[in-house]
Amino acid sequence: MSHKTNAARILDKGRIPYELKEYVVDESDLSAVTVAQKVGLSIEQVYKTLVARGDKTGIIVACIQGNHELHLKGLATLSRNKKVEIVSLKEVQPLTGYIRGGVSPIGMKKNYPVFIDLAVTKQEKISVSAGLRGLQLYLSPNDLISITKAQLGMISAAL
C-alpha cells in the first residue's frame, strides 16, 4: 500500500527528502516502542506526537522520543504558558484531523505551534507518524524542524 498522506504531500511540495515506513497496526498496542520494533528503528529515533493545551496559547503540539514522557512544566515554560495539559482523546481528531496513533506534527488542520525535544538533535534521522496508523515518515530532524517551524527545548523525561 502506497499512501500519500497530507504530511507526505507537504514534504513533497517542500522538496524535503523522506522515506515512508509501513507496519502492521495492532489496535491493542499503539506504543512507540512497538512501532520502533516493527519499522526496524531504535526507540531513540521514533518520536511520538502529543497534543496539548496551554492556558495562554491554546493548542500546542509536542514531539518527544517514543520511550519518554512529556514534561508538562518544561513544555509550559518553553511555550510561555503557566500550565499545559494533554488534550482528551476525543478532542485529538477534531483538533488535528488525525486519529490517535496516527497524529503527525506535519499537516494538521491548523498550524499549531510545534515543540520538539532537544534530544532530536542527537539523531541523524527520526521517524514520526505520517498521519495514518501503520505509516511512519523517516526524515532528518532539521527538515522536520524547518517544515513545522518548531522550537526546541527540554520537554521530556525518560520513562
C-alpha atoms as a PDB file:
ATOM      1  CA  MET A   1       0.000   0.000   0.000  1.00  0.00           C
ATOM      2  CA  SER A   2       1.425   3.298  -1.023  1.00  0.00           C
ATOM      3  CA  HIS A   3      -0.387   6.154   0.674  1.00  0.00           C
ATOM      4  CA  LYS A   4       0.327   9.796   0.128  1.00  0.00           C
ATOM      5  CA  THR A   5      -0.836  11.366   3.329  1.00  0.00           C
ATOM      6  CA  ASN A   6      -1.277  15.103   3.777  1.00  0.00           C
ATOM      7  CA  ALA A   7       2.044  15.133   5.664  1.00  0.00           C
ATOM      8  CA  ALA A   8       3.845  13.347   2.795  1.00  0.00           C
ATOM      9  CA  ARG A   9       2.343  15.755   0.235  1.00  0.00           C
ATOM     10  CA  ILE A  10       3.588  18.743   2.261  1.00  0.00           C
ATOM     11  CA  LEU A  11       7.108  17.248   2.341  1.00  0.00           C
ATOM     12  CA  ASP A  12       6.944  16.601  -1.413  1.00  0.00           C
ATOM     13  CA  LYS A  13       5.864  20.188  -2.035  1.00  0.00           C
ATOM     14  CA  GLY A  14       8.746  21.449   0.120  1.00  0.00           C
ATOM     15  CA  ARG A  15      11.126  19.100  -1.746  1.00  0.00           C
ATOM     16  CA  ILE A  16      12.116  17.538   1.572  1.00  0.00           C
ATOM     17  CA  PRO A  17      13.574  14.022   1.314  1.00  0.00           C
ATOM     18  CA  TYR A  18      11.900  11.327   3.420  1.00  0.00           C
ATOM     19  CA  GLU A  19      11.134   7.638   3.433  1.00  0.00           C
ATOM     20  CA  LEU A  20       7.802   6.033   4.226  1.00  0.00           C
ATOM     21  CA  LYS A  21       7.986   3.056   6.577  1.00  0.00           C
ATOM     22  CA  GLU A  22       4.929   0.817   6.751  1.00  0.00           C
ATOM     23  CA  TYR A  23       4.000  -1.529   9.553  1.00  0.00           C
ATOM     24  CA  VAL A  24       1.084  -3.700  10.636  1.00  0.00           C
ATOM     25  CA  VAL A  25      -1.050  -1.968  13.252  1.00  0.00           C
ATOM     26  CA  ASP A  26      -2.062  -3.732  16.443  1.00  0.00           C
ATOM     27  CA  GLU A  27      -5.044  -1.771  17.817  1.00  0.00           C
ATOM     28  CA  SER A  28      -4.291  -3.038  21.326  1.00  0.00           C
ATOM     29  CA  ASP A  29      -0.733  -1.686  21.252  1.00  0.00           C
ATOM     30  CA  LEU A  30      -0.143   1.680  19.587  1.00  0.00           C
ATOM     31  CA  SER A  31       3.015   2.358  21.608  1.00  0.00           C
ATOM     32  CA  ALA A  32       6.064   3.964  20.040  1.00  0.00           C
ATOM     33  CA  VAL A  33       8.194   1.086  21.350  1.00  0.00           C
ATOM     34  CA  THR A  34       6.144  -1.379  19.287  1.00  0.00           C
ATOM     35  CA  VAL A  35       6.230   0.912  16.230  1.00  0.00           C
ATOM     36  CA  ALA A  36      10.036   1.169  16.534  1.00  0.00           C
ATOM     37  CA  GLN A  37      10.354  -2.628  16.564  1.00  0.00           C
ATOM     38  CA  LYS A  38       8.020  -3.010  13.584  1.00  0.00           C
ATOM     39  CA  VAL A  39       9.810  -0.441  11.398  1.00  0.00           C
ATOM     40  CA  GLY A  40      13.275  -1.617  12.478  1.00  0.00           C
ATOM     41  CA  LEU A  41      14.429   1.583  14.188  1.00  0.00           C
ATOM     42  CA  SER A  42      15.824   2.252  17.628  1.00  0.00           C
ATOM     43  CA  ILE A  43      13.341   3.800  20.062  1.00  0.00           C
ATOM     44  CA  GLU A  44      15.592   6.896  20.185  1.00  0.00           C
ATOM     45  CA  GLN A  45      14.649   7.530  16.540  1.00  0.00           C
ATOM     46  CA  VAL A  46      10.892   7.130  16.889  1.00  0.00           C
ATOM     47  CA  TYR A  47       9.097  10.274  18.036  1.00  0.00           C
ATOM     48  CA  LYS A  48       5.526  10.463  19.240  1.00  0.00           C
ATOM     49  CA  THR A  49       3.337  13.496  18.681  1.00  0.00           C
ATOM     50  CA  LEU A  50       1.241  14.724  21.586  1.00  0.00           C
ATOM     51  CA  VAL A  51      -1.443  17.400  21.502  1.00  0.00           C
ATOM     52  CA  ALA A  52      -1.671  19.712  24.496  1.00  0.00           C
ATOM     53  CA  ARG A  53      -3.485  22.862  25.559  1.00  0.00           C
ATOM     54  CA  GLY A  54      -1.742  25.790  27.187  1.00  0.00           C
ATOM     55  CA  ASP A  55      -3.628  28.157  29.472  1.00  0.00           C
ATOM     56  CA  LYS A  56      -2.395  31.154  27.446  1.00  0.00           C
ATOM     57  CA  THR A  57      -1.663  29.870  23.937  1.00  0.00           C
ATOM     58  CA  GLY A  58      -4.344  27.249  23.440  1.00  0.00           C
ATOM     59  CA  ILE A  59      -3.445  24.163  21.389  1.00  0.00           C
ATOM     60  CA  ILE A  60       0.227  23.242  21.041  1.00  0.00           C
ATOM     61  CA  VAL A  61       1.964  20.150  19.707  1.00  0.00           C
ATOM     62  CA  ALA A  62       4.888  18.305  21.286  1.00  0.00           C
ATOM     63  CA  CYS A  63       7.177  15.717  19.657  1.00  0.00           C
ATOM     64  CA  ILE A  64       9.180  13.593  22.042  1.00  0.00           C
ATOM     65  CA  GLN A  65      11.211  10.414  21.926  1.00  0.00           C
ATOM     66  CA  GLY A  66       8.951   7.366  21.943  1.00  0.00           C
ATOM     67  CA  ASN A  67      10.121   5.957  25.278  1.00  0.00           C
ATOM     68  CA  HIS A  68       9.944   9.316  27.054  1.00  0.00           C
ATOM     69  CA  GLU A  69       7.194  11.075  28.922  1.00  0.00           C
ATOM     70  CA  LEU A  70       6.149  14.646  28.225  1.00  0.00           C
ATOM     71  CA  HIS A  71       7.492  17.044  30.840  1.00  0.00           C
ATOM     72  CA  LEU A  72       4.482  19.356  31.185  1.00  0.00           C
ATOM     73  CA  LYS A  73       6.316  22.049  33.173  1.00  0.00           C
ATOM     74  CA  GLY A  74       9.132  22.120  30.614  1.00  0.00           C
ATOM     75  CA  LEU A  75       6.610  22.431  27.781  1.00  0.00           C
ATOM     76  CA  ALA A  76       4.727  25.170  29.654  1.00  0.00           C
ATOM     77  CA  THR A  77       7.933  27.185  30.129  1.00  0.00           C
ATOM     78  CA  LEU A  78       9.051  26.729  26.528  1.00  0.00           C
ATOM     79  CA  SER A  79       5.619  27.628  25.130  1.00  0.00           C
ATOM     80  CA  ARG A  80       5.173  30.605  27.513  1.00  0.00           C
ATOM     81  CA  ASN A  81       2.237  29.076  29.352  1.00  0.00           C
ATOM     82  CA  LYS A  82       1.745  28.815  33.100  1.00  0.00           C
ATOM     83  CA  LYS A  83       0.059  25.441  32.750  1.00  0.00           C
ATOM     84  CA  VAL A  84      -0.174  22.820  29.995  1.00  0.00           C
ATOM     85  CA  GLU A  85      -2.391  19.746  29.836  1.00  0.00           C
ATOM     86  CA  ILE A  86      -2.679  16.920  27.323  1.00  0.00           C
ATOM     87  CA  VAL A  87      -5.998  17.175  25.445  1.00  0.00           C
ATOM     88  CA  SER A  88      -8.530  14.379  25.850  1.00  0.00           C
ATOM     89  CA  LEU A  89      -8.509  11.575  23.269  1.00  0.00           C
ATOM     90  CA  LYS A  90     -11.915  12.608  21.938  1.00  0.00           C
ATOM     91  CA  GLU A  91     -10.503  16.052  21.059  1.00  0.00           C
ATOM     92  CA  VAL A  92      -7.477  14.781  19.115  1.00  0.00           C
ATOM     93  CA  GLN A  93      -9.218  14.087  15.793  1.00  0.00           C
ATOM     94  CA  PRO A  94     -11.421  17.232  15.701  1.00  0.00           C
ATOM     95  CA  LEU A  95      -8.377  19.396  16.505  1.00  0.00           C
ATOM     96  CA  THR A  96      -5.784  17.766  14.251  1.00  0.00           C
ATOM     97  CA  GLY A  97      -7.658  15.811  11.598  1.00  0.00           C
ATOM     98  CA  TYR A  98      -5.683  12.738  12.674  1.00  0.00           C
ATOM     99  CA  ILE A  99      -6.668   9.706  14.746  1.00  0.00           C
ATOM    100  CA  ARG A 100      -4.852   8.515  17.866  1.00  0.00           C
ATOM    101  CA  GLY A 101      -1.813   6.506  16.860  1.00  0.00           C
ATOM    102  CA  GLY A 102      -1.639   8.431  13.594  1.00  0.00           C
ATOM    103  CA  VAL A 103      -1.038  12.033  14.653  1.00  0.00           C
ATOM    104  CA  SER A 104       1.654  13.688  12.556  1.00  0.00           C
ATOM    105  CA  PRO A 105       3.243  17.015  13.523  1.00  0.00           C
ATOM    106  CA  ILE A 106       3.011  17.881   9.800  1.00  0.00           C
ATOM    107  CA  GLY A 107      -0.222  18.800   8.031  1.00  0.00           C
ATOM    108  CA  MET A 108      -2.688  19.198  10.876  1.00  0.00           C
ATOM    109  CA  LYS A 109      -5.997  21.011  10.325  1.00  0.00           C
ATOM    110  CA  LYS A 110      -4.406  24.175  11.724  1.00  0.00           C
ATOM    111  CA  ASN A 111      -0.790  25.256  12.049  1.00  0.00           C
ATOM    112  CA  TYR A 112      -0.405  24.828  15.778  1.00  0.00           C
ATOM    113  CA  PRO A 113       2.914  25.754  17.420  1.00  0.00           C
ATOM    114  CA  VAL A 114       5.204  22.695  17.457  1.00  0.00           C
ATOM    115  CA  PHE A 115       7.781  21.973  20.170  1.00  0.00           C
ATOM    116  CA  ILE A 116      10.345  19.201  19.747  1.00  0.00           C
ATOM    117  CA  ASP A 117      12.522  17.763  22.472  1.00  0.00           C
ATOM    118  CA  LEU A 118      16.155  18.825  22.276  1.00  0.00           C
ATOM    119  CA  ALA A 119      17.254  15.156  22.168  1.00  0.00           C
ATOM    120  CA  VAL A 120      16.195  15.171  18.496  1.00  0.00           C
ATOM    121  CA  THR A 121      19.473  16.915  17.601  1.00  0.00           C
ATOM    122  CA  LYS A 122      21.419  13.760  18.572  1.00  0.00           C
ATOM    123  CA  GLN A 123      19.774  11.764  15.778  1.00  0.00           C
ATOM    124  CA  GLU A 124      20.732  11.750  12.121  1.00  0.00           C
ATOM    125  CA  LYS A 125      17.212  10.704  11.129  1.00  0.00           C
ATOM    126  CA  ILE A 126      13.995  10.284  13.050  1.00  0.00           C
ATOM    127  CA  SER A 127      10.580   8.830  12.447  1.00  0.00           C
ATOM    128  CA  VAL A 128       7.208  10.485  13.110  1.00  0.00           C
ATOM    129  CA  SER A 129       3.717   9.405  12.135  1.00  0.00           C
ATOM    130  CA  ALA A 130       2.866  10.069   8.501  1.00  0.00           C
ATOM    131  CA  GLY A 131      -0.706  10.882   9.521  1.00  0.00           C
ATOM    132  CA  LEU A 132      -2.021   7.356   9.290  1.00  0.00           C
ATOM    133  CA  ARG A 133      -1.714   4.376  11.588  1.00  0.00           C
ATOM    134  CA  GLY A 134       0.748   1.927  10.090  1.00  0.00           C
ATOM    135  CA  LEU A 135       2.793   4.561   8.285  1.00  0.00           C
ATOM    136  CA  GLN A 136       5.833   6.459   9.547  1.00  0.00           C
ATOM    137  CA  LEU A 137       7.832   9.278   7.947  1.00  0.00           C
ATOM    138  CA  TYR A 138      11.593   8.842   8.243  1.00  0.00           C
ATOM    139  CA  LEU A 139      13.457  12.129   7.777  1.00  0.00           C
ATOM    140  CA  SER A 140      16.154  14.393   9.103  1.00  0.00           C
ATOM    141  CA  PRO A 141      15.303  16.218  12.366  1.00  0.00           C
ATOM    142  CA  ASN A 142      16.407  19.513  10.801  1.00  0.00           C
ATOM    143  CA  ASP A 143      13.912  19.058   7.975  1.00  0.00           C
ATOM    144  CA  LEU A 144      11.138  18.287  10.469  1.00  0.00           C
ATOM    145  CA  ILE A 145      12.074  21.378  12.494  1.00  0.00           C
ATOM    146  CA  SER A 146      12.085  23.617   9.416  1.00  0.00           C
ATOM    147  CA  ILE A 147       8.797  22.328   7.924  1.00  0.00           C
ATOM    148  CA  THR A 148       6.924  22.622  11.256  1.00  0.00           C
ATOM    149  CA  LYS A 149       8.754  25.827  12.327  1.00  0.00           C
ATOM    150  CA  ALA A 150       9.312  24.002  15.604  1.00  0.00           C
ATOM    151  CA  GLN A 151      11.033  25.307  18.693  1.00  0.00           C
ATOM    152  CA  LEU A 152      13.444  23.025  20.525  1.00  0.00           C
ATOM    153  CA  GLY A 153      13.615  22.580  24.265  1.00  0.00           C
ATOM    154  CA  MET A 154      13.831  20.226  27.208  1.00  0.00           C
ATOM    155  CA  ILE A 155      10.299  18.875  27.204  1.00  0.00           C
ATOM    156  CA  SER A 156      10.655  15.198  28.005  1.00  0.00           C
ATOM    157  CA  ALA A 157      11.965  12.813  30.599  1.00  0.00           C
ATOM    158  CA  ALA A 158      12.820   9.122  30.307  1.00  0.00           C
ATOM    159  CA  LEU A 159      10.025   6.808  31.454  1.00  0.00           C
END
